[in-house]
PDB file of N, CA and C in Angstrom:
ATOM      1  N   MET A   1     140.942 123.920  90.540  1.00  0.00           N
ATOM      2  CA  MET A   1     139.632 123.837  90.660  1.00  0.00           C
ATOM      3  C   MET A   1     139.206 123.180  92.005  1.00  0.00           C
ATOM      4  N   GLU A   2     138.361 123.761  92.767  1.00  0.00           N
ATOM      5  CA  GLU A   2     138.002 123.165  93.997  1.00  0.00           C
ATOM      6  C   GLU A   2     137.174 121.974  93.863  1.00  0.00           C
ATOM      7  N   GLU A   3     137.449 120.915  94.694  1.00  0.00           N
ATOM      8  CA  GLU A   3     136.608 119.611  94.661  1.00  0.00           C
ATOM      9  C   GLU A   3     135.209 119.968  95.321  1.00  0.00           C
ATOM     10  N   ASN A   4     135.021 120.665  96.331  1.00  0.00           N
ATOM     11  CA  ASN A   4     133.843 120.926  97.020  1.00  0.00           C
ATOM     12  C   ASN A   4     133.541 122.441  96.915  1.00  0.00           C
ATOM     13  N   PRO A   5     132.750 122.852  95.802  1.00  0.00           N
ATOM     14  CA  PRO A   5     132.714 124.436  95.737  1.00  0.00           C
ATOM     15  C   PRO A   5     131.696 124.795  96.843  1.00  0.00           C
ATOM     16  N   SER A   6     131.917 126.091  97.332  1.00  0.00           N
ATOM     17  CA  SER A   6     131.129 126.609  98.366  1.00  0.00           C
ATOM     18  C   SER A   6     129.853 126.890  97.763  1.00  0.00           C
ATOM     19  N   SER A   7     128.703 126.878  98.409  1.00  0.00           N
ATOM     20  CA  SER A   7     127.422 127.117  98.107  1.00  0.00           C
ATOM     21  C   SER A   7     127.169 128.608  97.891  1.00  0.00           C
ATOM     22  N   ASP A   8     128.036 129.453  98.409  1.00  0.00           N
ATOM     23  CA  ASP A   8     127.943 130.909  98.326  1.00  0.00           C
ATOM     24  C   ASP A   8     128.202 131.381  96.904  1.00  0.00           C
ATOM     25  N   LYS A   9     128.844 130.445  96.138  1.00  0.00           N
ATOM     26  CA  LYS A   9     129.116 130.983  94.726  1.00  0.00           C
ATOM     27  C   LYS A   9     127.817 130.731  93.858  1.00  0.00           C
ATOM     28  N   PHE A  10     126.871 130.108  94.328  1.00  0.00           N
ATOM     29  CA  PHE A  10     125.631 129.880  93.457  1.00  0.00           C
ATOM     30  C   PHE A  10     124.519 130.601  93.988  1.00  0.00           C
ATOM     31  N   GLN A  11     124.616 132.038  94.030  1.00  0.00           N
ATOM     32  CA  GLN A  11     123.515 132.898  94.490  1.00  0.00           C
ATOM     33  C   GLN A  11     122.764 133.365  93.139  1.00  0.00           C
ATOM     34  N   PHE A  12     121.409 133.214  93.229  1.00  0.00           N
ATOM     35  CA  PHE A  12     120.596 133.471  92.186  1.00  0.00           C
ATOM     36  C   PHE A  12     119.634 134.696  92.460  1.00  0.00           C
ATOM     37  N   ARG A  13     119.958 135.390  93.611  1.00  0.00           N
ATOM     38  CA  ARG A  13     118.973 136.527  93.999  1.00  0.00           C
ATOM     39  C   ARG A  13     118.991 137.703  93.050  1.00  0.00           C
ATOM     40  N   ASP A  14     120.110 137.921  92.309  1.00  0.00           N
ATOM     41  CA  ASP A  14     120.104 139.164  91.493  1.00  0.00           C
ATOM     42  C   ASP A  14     119.868 138.915  90.008  1.00  0.00           C
ATOM     43  N   LEU A  15     119.205 137.765  89.675  1.00  0.00           N
ATOM     44  CA  LEU A  15     118.921 137.485  88.447  1.00  0.00           C
ATOM     45  C   LEU A  15     117.893 138.476  87.859  1.00  0.00           C
ATOM     46  N   HIS A  16     117.890 138.816  86.527  1.00  0.00           N
ATOM     47  CA  HIS A  16     116.960 139.543  85.912  1.00  0.00           C
ATOM     48  C   HIS A  16     115.524 138.976  86.175  1.00  0.00           C
ATOM     49  N   PRO A  17     114.506 139.780  86.370  1.00  0.00           N
ATOM     50  CA  PRO A  17     113.164 139.212  86.729  1.00  0.00           C
ATOM     51  C   PRO A  17     112.619 138.451  85.575  1.00  0.00           C
ATOM     52  N   ASN A  18     113.116 138.542  84.266  1.00  0.00           N
ATOM     53  CA  ASN A  18     112.538 137.697  83.177  1.00  0.00           C
ATOM     54  C   ASN A  18     113.378 136.499  82.888  1.00  0.00           C
ATOM     55  N   VAL A  19     114.263 136.168  83.848  1.00  0.00           N
ATOM     56  CA  VAL A  19     115.027 134.749  83.790  1.00  0.00           C
ATOM     57  C   VAL A  19     114.475 133.867  84.687  1.00  0.00           C
ATOM     58  N   PHE A  20     114.050 132.731  84.136  1.00  0.00           N
ATOM     59  CA  PHE A  20     113.442 131.713  85.091  1.00  0.00           C
ATOM     60  C   PHE A  20     114.254 130.454  85.158  1.00  0.00           C
ATOM     61  N   ILE A  21     114.304 129.819  86.393  1.00  0.00           N
ATOM     62  CA  ILE A  21     115.101 128.713  86.527  1.00  0.00           C
ATOM     63  C   ILE A  21     114.029 127.496  86.896  1.00  0.00           C
ATOM     64  N   GLY A  22     114.260 126.394  86.090  1.00  0.00           N
ATOM     65  CA  GLY A  22     113.497 125.187  86.478  1.00  0.00           C
ATOM     66  C   GLY A  22     114.269 124.018  86.207  1.00  0.00           C
ATOM     67  N   THR A  23     113.722 122.856  86.097  1.00  0.00           N
ATOM     68  CA  THR A  23     114.362 121.600  85.788  1.00  0.00           C
ATOM     69  C   THR A  23     113.679 120.896  84.739  1.00  0.00           C
ATOM     70  N   ALA A  24     114.379 119.732  84.421  1.00  0.00           N
ATOM     71  CA  ALA A  24     113.850 118.797  83.338  1.00  0.00           C
ATOM     72  C   ALA A  24     112.952 117.810  83.921  1.00  0.00           C
ATOM     73  N   SER A  25     112.790 117.668  85.219  1.00  0.00           N
ATOM     74  CA  SER A  25     112.012 116.648  85.860  1.00  0.00           C
ATOM     75  C   SER A  25     111.404 117.201  87.027  1.00  0.00           C
ATOM     76  N   ASP A  26     110.202 116.752  87.515  1.00  0.00           N
ATOM     77  CA  ASP A  26     109.620 117.210  88.611  1.00  0.00           C
ATOM     78  C   ASP A  26     109.270 115.998  89.618  1.00  0.00           C
ATOM     79  N   ARG A  27     109.713 114.935  89.151  1.00  0.00           N
ATOM     80  CA  ARG A  27     109.272 113.667  89.948  1.00  0.00           C
ATOM     81  C   ARG A  27     110.453 112.915  90.645  1.00  0.00           C
ATOM     82  N   TYR A  28     111.556 113.559  90.711  1.00  0.00           N
ATOM     83  CA  TYR A  28     112.931 113.027  91.205  1.00  0.00           C
ATOM     84  C   TYR A  28     112.824 112.665  92.652  1.00  0.00           C
ATOM     85  N   VAL A  29     112.920 111.256  92.981  1.00  0.00           N
ATOM     86  CA  VAL A  29     112.858 110.824  94.250  1.00  0.00           C
ATOM     87  C   VAL A  29     114.131 111.392  95.228  1.00  0.00           C
ATOM     88  N   GLY A  30     115.244 111.757  94.527  1.00  0.00           N
ATOM     89  CA  GLY A  30     116.288 112.216  95.248  1.00  0.00           C
ATOM     90  C   GLY A  30     116.111 113.510  95.938  1.00  0.00           C
ATOM     91  N   TRP A  31     115.226 114.207  95.570  1.00  0.00           N
ATOM     92  CA  TRP A  31     114.846 115.617  96.151  1.00  0.00           C
ATOM     93  C   TRP A  31     114.015 115.400  97.430  1.00  0.00           C
ATOM     94  N   ILE A  32     113.584 114.341  97.897  1.00  0.00           N
ATOM     95  CA  ILE A  32     112.847 114.239  99.106  1.00  0.00           C
ATOM     96  C   ILE A  32     113.700 114.692 100.206  1.00  0.00           C
ATOM     97  N   GLY A  33     113.179 115.490 100.998  1.00  0.00           N
ATOM     98  CA  GLY A  33     113.942 116.256 101.999  1.00  0.00           C
ATOM     99  C   GLY A  33     114.504 117.479 101.728  1.00  0.00           C
ATOM    100  N   GLN A  34     114.656 117.750 100.348  1.00  0.00           N
ATOM    101  CA  GLN A  34     115.167 118.991  99.821  1.00  0.00           C
ATOM    102  C   GLN A  34     114.219 119.909  99.133  1.00  0.00           C
ATOM    103  N   ILE A  35     113.541 119.416  98.163  1.00  0.00           N
ATOM    104  CA  ILE A  35     112.346 120.120  97.689  1.00  0.00           C
ATOM    105  C   ILE A  35     111.005 119.497  98.190  1.00  0.00           C
ATOM    106  N   TYR A  36     110.964 118.163  98.244  1.00  0.00           N
ATOM    107  CA  TYR A  36     109.768 117.551  98.788  1.00  0.00           C
ATOM    108  C   TYR A  36     109.742 117.207 100.219  1.00  0.00           C
ATOM    109  N   THR A  37     108.657 117.477 100.764  1.00  0.00           N
ATOM    110  CA  THR A  37     108.536 116.937 102.162  1.00  0.00           C
ATOM    111  C   THR A  37     108.659 115.466 102.480  1.00  0.00           C
ATOM    112  N   GLU A  38     109.401 115.189 103.325  1.00  0.00           N
ATOM    113  CA  GLU A  38     109.739 113.624 103.515  1.00  0.00           C
ATOM    114  C   GLU A  38     108.558 112.871 103.836  1.00  0.00           C
ATOM    115  N   GLU A  39     107.851 113.498 104.854  1.00  0.00           N
ATOM    116  CA  GLU A  39     106.731 112.664 105.415  1.00  0.00           C
ATOM    117  C   GLU A  39     105.573 112.460 104.362  1.00  0.00           C
ATOM    118  N   ARG A  40     105.498 113.429 103.460  1.00  0.00           N
ATOM    119  CA  ARG A  40     104.391 113.405 102.512  1.00  0.00           C
ATOM    120  C   ARG A  40     104.693 112.307 101.443  1.00  0.00           C
ATOM    121  N   TYR A  41     105.874 112.207 101.090  1.00  0.00           N
ATOM    122  CA  TYR A  41     106.300 111.333  99.971  1.00  0.00           C
ATOM    123  C   TYR A  41     107.112 109.949 100.457  1.00  0.00           C
ATOM    124  N   ARG A  42     107.001 109.684 101.686  1.00  0.00           N
ATOM    125  CA  ARG A  42     107.810 108.518 102.195  1.00  0.00           C
ATOM    126  C   ARG A  42     107.326 107.335 101.604  1.00  0.00           C
ATOM    127  N   ASN A  43     106.020 106.998 101.446  1.00  0.00           N
ATOM    128  CA  ASN A  43     105.356 105.799 100.914  1.00  0.00           C
ATOM    129  C   ASN A  43     104.626 105.994  99.700  1.00  0.00           C
ATOM    130  N   THR A  44     104.816 107.129  98.940  1.00  0.00           N
ATOM    131  CA  THR A  44     104.071 107.364  97.601  1.00  0.00           C
ATOM    132  C   THR A  44     104.878 107.550  96.513  1.00  0.00           C
ATOM    133  N   ARG A  45     105.557 106.412  96.099  1.00  0.00           N
ATOM    134  CA  ARG A  45     106.458 106.466  94.961  1.00  0.00           C
ATOM    135  C   ARG A  45     105.932 105.471  93.929  1.00  0.00           C
ATOM    136  N   SER A  46     106.276 105.561  92.776  1.00  0.00           N
ATOM    137  CA  SER A  46     105.934 104.493  91.710  1.00  0.00           C
ATOM    138  C   SER A  46     107.205 104.027  91.003  1.00  0.00           C
ATOM    139  N   ILE A  47     107.123 102.896  90.368  1.00  0.00           N
ATOM    140  CA  ILE A  47     108.274 102.322  89.663  1.00  0.00           C
ATOM    141  C   ILE A  47     107.814 102.305  88.109  1.00  0.00           C
ATOM    142  N   ARG A  48     108.703 102.945  87.349  1.00  0.00           N
ATOM    143  CA  ARG A  48     108.375 102.840  85.834  1.00  0.00           C
ATOM    144  C   ARG A  48     109.633 102.118  85.131  1.00  0.00           C
ATOM    145  N   ALA A  49     109.364 101.285  84.131  1.00  0.00           N
ATOM    146  CA  ALA A  49     110.246 100.602  83.461  1.00  0.00           C
ATOM    147  C   ALA A  49     110.890 101.499  82.242  1.00  0.00           C
ATOM    148  N   LYS A  50     112.081 101.424  81.914  1.00  0.00           N
ATOM    149  CA  LYS A  50     112.676 102.141  80.836  1.00  0.00           C
ATOM    150  C   LYS A  50     113.610 101.261  80.167  1.00  0.00           C
ATOM    151  N   SER A  51     113.816 101.576  78.901  1.00  0.00           N
ATOM    152  CA  SER A  51     114.941 100.834  78.204  1.00  0.00           C
ATOM    153  C   SER A  51     115.832 101.870  77.427  1.00  0.00           C
ATOM    154  N   VAL A  52     117.063 101.370  77.558  1.00  0.00           N
ATOM    155  CA  VAL A  52     118.037 102.259  76.947  1.00  0.00           C
ATOM    156  C   VAL A  52     118.881 101.314  76.092  1.00  0.00           C
ATOM    157  N   GLY A  53     118.799 101.429  74.889  1.00  0.00           N
ATOM    158  CA  GLY A  53     119.438 100.292  74.015  1.00  0.00           C
ATOM    159  C   GLY A  53     118.864  98.965  74.245  1.00  0.00           C
ATOM    160  N   TRP A  54     119.674  98.055  74.566  1.00  0.00           N
ATOM    161  CA  TRP A  54     119.308  96.771  74.873  1.00  0.00           C
ATOM    162  C   TRP A  54     119.129  96.413  76.454  1.00  0.00           C
ATOM    163  N   LYS A  55     119.247  97.554  77.188  1.00  0.00           N
ATOM    164  CA  LYS A  55     119.439  97.314  78.655  1.00  0.00           C
ATOM    165  C   LYS A  55     118.014  97.931  79.152  1.00  0.00           C
ATOM    166  N   SER A  56     117.374  97.341  80.086  1.00  0.00           N
ATOM    167  CA  SER A  56     116.186  97.823  80.681  1.00  0.00           C
ATOM    168  C   SER A  56     116.496  98.102  82.178  1.00  0.00           C
ATOM    169  N   LEU A  57     115.808  99.040  82.716  1.00  0.00           N
ATOM    170  CA  LEU A  57     115.946  99.464  84.128  1.00  0.00           C
ATOM    171  C   LEU A  57     114.617  99.935  84.615  1.00  0.00           C
ATOM    172  N   LYS A  58     114.633 100.123  86.049  1.00  0.00           N
ATOM    173  CA  LYS A  58     113.343 100.584  86.780  1.00  0.00           C
ATOM    174  C   LYS A  58     113.907 101.898  87.287  1.00  0.00           C
ATOM    175  N   GLU A  59     112.921 102.770  87.138  1.00  0.00           N
ATOM    176  CA  GLU A  59     113.140 104.108  87.764  1.00  0.00           C
ATOM    177  C   GLU A  59     112.028 104.430  88.750  1.00  0.00           C
ATOM    178  N   GLU A  60     112.587 104.922  89.992  1.00  0.00           N
ATOM    179  CA  GLU A  60     111.652 105.156  91.042  1.00  0.00           C
ATOM    180  C   GLU A  60     111.341 106.680  90.996  1.00  0.00           C
ATOM    181  N   VAL A  61     109.997 107.057  90.948  1.00  0.00           N
ATOM    182  CA  VAL A  61     109.649 108.446  90.808  1.00  0.00           C
ATOM    183  C   VAL A  61     108.458 108.706  91.698  1.00  0.00           C
ATOM    184  N   LEU A  62     108.334 109.954  91.951  1.00  0.00           N
ATOM    185  CA  LEU A  62     107.071 110.360  92.910  1.00  0.00           C
ATOM    186  C   LEU A  62     105.948 110.341  91.925  1.00  0.00           C
ATOM    187  N   LEU A  63     104.837 110.432  92.636  1.00  0.00           N
ATOM    188  CA  LEU A  63     103.543 110.510  91.872  1.00  0.00           C
ATOM    189  C   LEU A  63     103.388 111.983  91.298  1.00  0.00           C
ATOM    190  N   VAL A  64     102.566 112.137  90.258  1.00  0.00           N
ATOM    191  CA  VAL A  64     102.277 113.336  89.624  1.00  0.00           C
ATOM    192  C   VAL A  64     101.874 114.380  90.433  1.00  0.00           C
ATOM    193  N   GLU A  65     101.115 114.130  91.561  1.00  0.00           N
ATOM    194  CA  GLU A  65     100.855 115.082  92.519  1.00  0.00           C
ATOM    195  C   GLU A  65     101.888 115.958  93.153  1.00  0.00           C
ATOM    196  N   SER A  66     103.183 115.441  92.983  1.00  0.00           N
ATOM    197  CA  SER A  66     104.365 116.094  93.548  1.00  0.00           C
ATOM    198  C   SER A  66     104.588 117.514  92.852  1.00  0.00           C
ATOM    199  N   VAL A  67     103.940 117.584  91.704  1.00  0.00           N
ATOM    200  CA  VAL A  67     104.240 118.766  91.064  1.00  0.00           C
ATOM    201  C   VAL A  67     103.654 120.115  91.840  1.00  0.00           C
ATOM    202  N   GLU A  68     102.721 119.781  92.541  1.00  0.00           N
ATOM    203  CA  GLU A  68     102.233 120.972  93.426  1.00  0.00           C
ATOM    204  C   GLU A  68     103.303 121.549  94.543  1.00  0.00           C
ATOM    205  N   GLU A  69     104.081 120.514  94.968  1.00  0.00           N
ATOM    206  CA  GLU A  69     105.052 121.080  95.874  1.00  0.00           C
ATOM    207  C   GLU A  69     106.325 121.629  95.054  1.00  0.00           C
ATOM    208  N   TYR A  70     106.556 121.021  93.948  1.00  0.00           N
ATOM    209  CA  TYR A  70     107.559 121.495  92.988  1.00  0.00           C
ATOM    210  C   TYR A  70     107.450 122.912  92.636  1.00  0.00           C
ATOM    211  N   PHE A  71     106.199 123.376  92.409  1.00  0.00           N
ATOM    212  CA  PHE A  71     105.960 124.800  91.915  1.00  0.00           C
ATOM    213  C   PHE A  71     106.068 125.747  93.235  1.00  0.00           C
ATOM    214  N   GLN A  72     106.176 125.184  94.434  1.00  0.00           N
ATOM    215  CA  GLN A  72     106.481 126.136  95.465  1.00  0.00           C
ATOM    216  C   GLN A  72     107.972 126.522  95.504  1.00  0.00           C
ATOM    217  N   HIS A  73     108.868 125.842  94.650  1.00  0.00           N
ATOM    218  CA  HIS A  73     110.175 126.150  94.688  1.00  0.00           C
ATOM    219  C   HIS A  73     110.774 126.732  93.251  1.00  0.00           C
ATOM    220  N   PHE A  74     110.122 126.268  92.137  1.00  0.00           N
ATOM    221  CA  PHE A  74     110.454 126.563  90.907  1.00  0.00           C
ATOM    222  C   PHE A  74     109.215 127.125  90.161  1.00  0.00           C
ATOM    223  N   SER A  75     109.330 128.093  89.160  1.00  0.00           N
ATOM    224  CA  SER A  75     108.340 128.587  88.543  1.00  0.00           C
ATOM    225  C   SER A  75     108.129 128.130  86.993  1.00  0.00           C
ATOM    226  N   ILE A  76     109.035 127.157  86.623  1.00  0.00           N
ATOM    227  CA  ILE A  76     109.123 126.770  85.279  1.00  0.00           C
ATOM    228  C   ILE A  76     109.461 125.229  85.459  1.00  0.00           C
ATOM    229  N   LEU A  77     108.968 124.395  84.380  1.00  0.00           N
ATOM    230  CA  LEU A  77     109.224 123.064  84.353  1.00  0.00           C
ATOM    231  C   LEU A  77     109.416 122.594  82.791  1.00  0.00           C
ATOM    232  N   GLU A  78     110.391 121.898  82.513  1.00  0.00           N
ATOM    233  CA  GLU A  78     110.549 121.487  81.011  1.00  0.00           C
ATOM    234  C   GLU A  78     109.722 120.235  80.883  1.00  0.00           C
ATOM    235  N   LEU A  79     108.809 120.141  79.768  1.00  0.00           N
ATOM    236  CA  LEU A  79     107.999 119.080  79.390  1.00  0.00           C
ATOM    237  C   LEU A  79     108.663 118.528  78.122  1.00  0.00           C
ATOM    238  N   ASP A  80     109.399 117.395  78.136  1.00  0.00           N
ATOM    239  CA  ASP A  80     110.027 117.065  77.118  1.00  0.00           C
ATOM    240  C   ASP A  80     109.415 115.618  76.481  1.00  0.00           C
ATOM    241  N   CYS A  81     108.235 115.302  77.020  1.00  0.00           N
ATOM    242  CA  CYS A  81     107.720 114.002  76.630  1.00  0.00           C
ATOM    243  C   CYS A  81     107.326 113.965  75.237  1.00  0.00           C
ATOM    244  N   THR A  82     106.987 114.966  74.664  1.00  0.00           N
ATOM    245  CA  THR A  82     106.569 114.969  73.255  1.00  0.00           C
ATOM    246  C   THR A  82     107.841 114.809  72.278  1.00  0.00           C
ATOM    247  N   PHE A  83     108.943 115.180  72.828  1.00  0.00           N
ATOM    248  CA  PHE A  83     110.121 114.905  72.007  1.00  0.00           C
ATOM    249  C   PHE A  83     110.386 113.356  71.803  1.00  0.00           C
ATOM    250  N   TYR A  84     110.093 112.639  72.717  1.00  0.00           N
ATOM    251  CA  TYR A  84     110.188 111.169  72.593  1.00  0.00           C
ATOM    252  C   TYR A  84     109.048 110.422  71.854  1.00  0.00           C
ATOM    253  N   ARG A  85     107.819 110.979  72.163  1.00  0.00           N
ATOM    254  CA  ARG A  85     106.530 110.426  71.733  1.00  0.00           C
ATOM    255  C   ARG A  85     105.450 111.542  71.805  1.00  0.00           C
ATOM    256  N   LEU A  86     104.671 111.496  70.680  1.00  0.00           N
ATOM    257  CA  LEU A  86     103.562 112.483  70.795  1.00  0.00           C
ATOM    258  C   LEU A  86     102.514 111.995  71.849  1.00  0.00           C
ATOM    259  N   LEU A  87     101.933 113.118  72.396  1.00  0.00           N
ATOM    260  CA  LEU A  87     100.836 112.696  73.336  1.00  0.00           C
ATOM    261  C   LEU A  87      99.725 111.980  72.863  1.00  0.00           C
TER     262      LEU A  87
END
């Protein structure tokens, strides 16, 4: 198995038109410069606290407005917040 797979193996151009690709998150800071414009989101991030078991952590996320730029790249987004807690 290759350690660094070539990006040409991940072509999605010939997918059936009824197959949609999206992600489970739209506010991921790590996508700045790839999905999100670096200049637009350089200083517009928020911190939210999370707990997993007995550990707590802080997660840096983009503001909700980032979804506008997200949908320029993806046509579908998983919303799983109701799995954890009803709205």
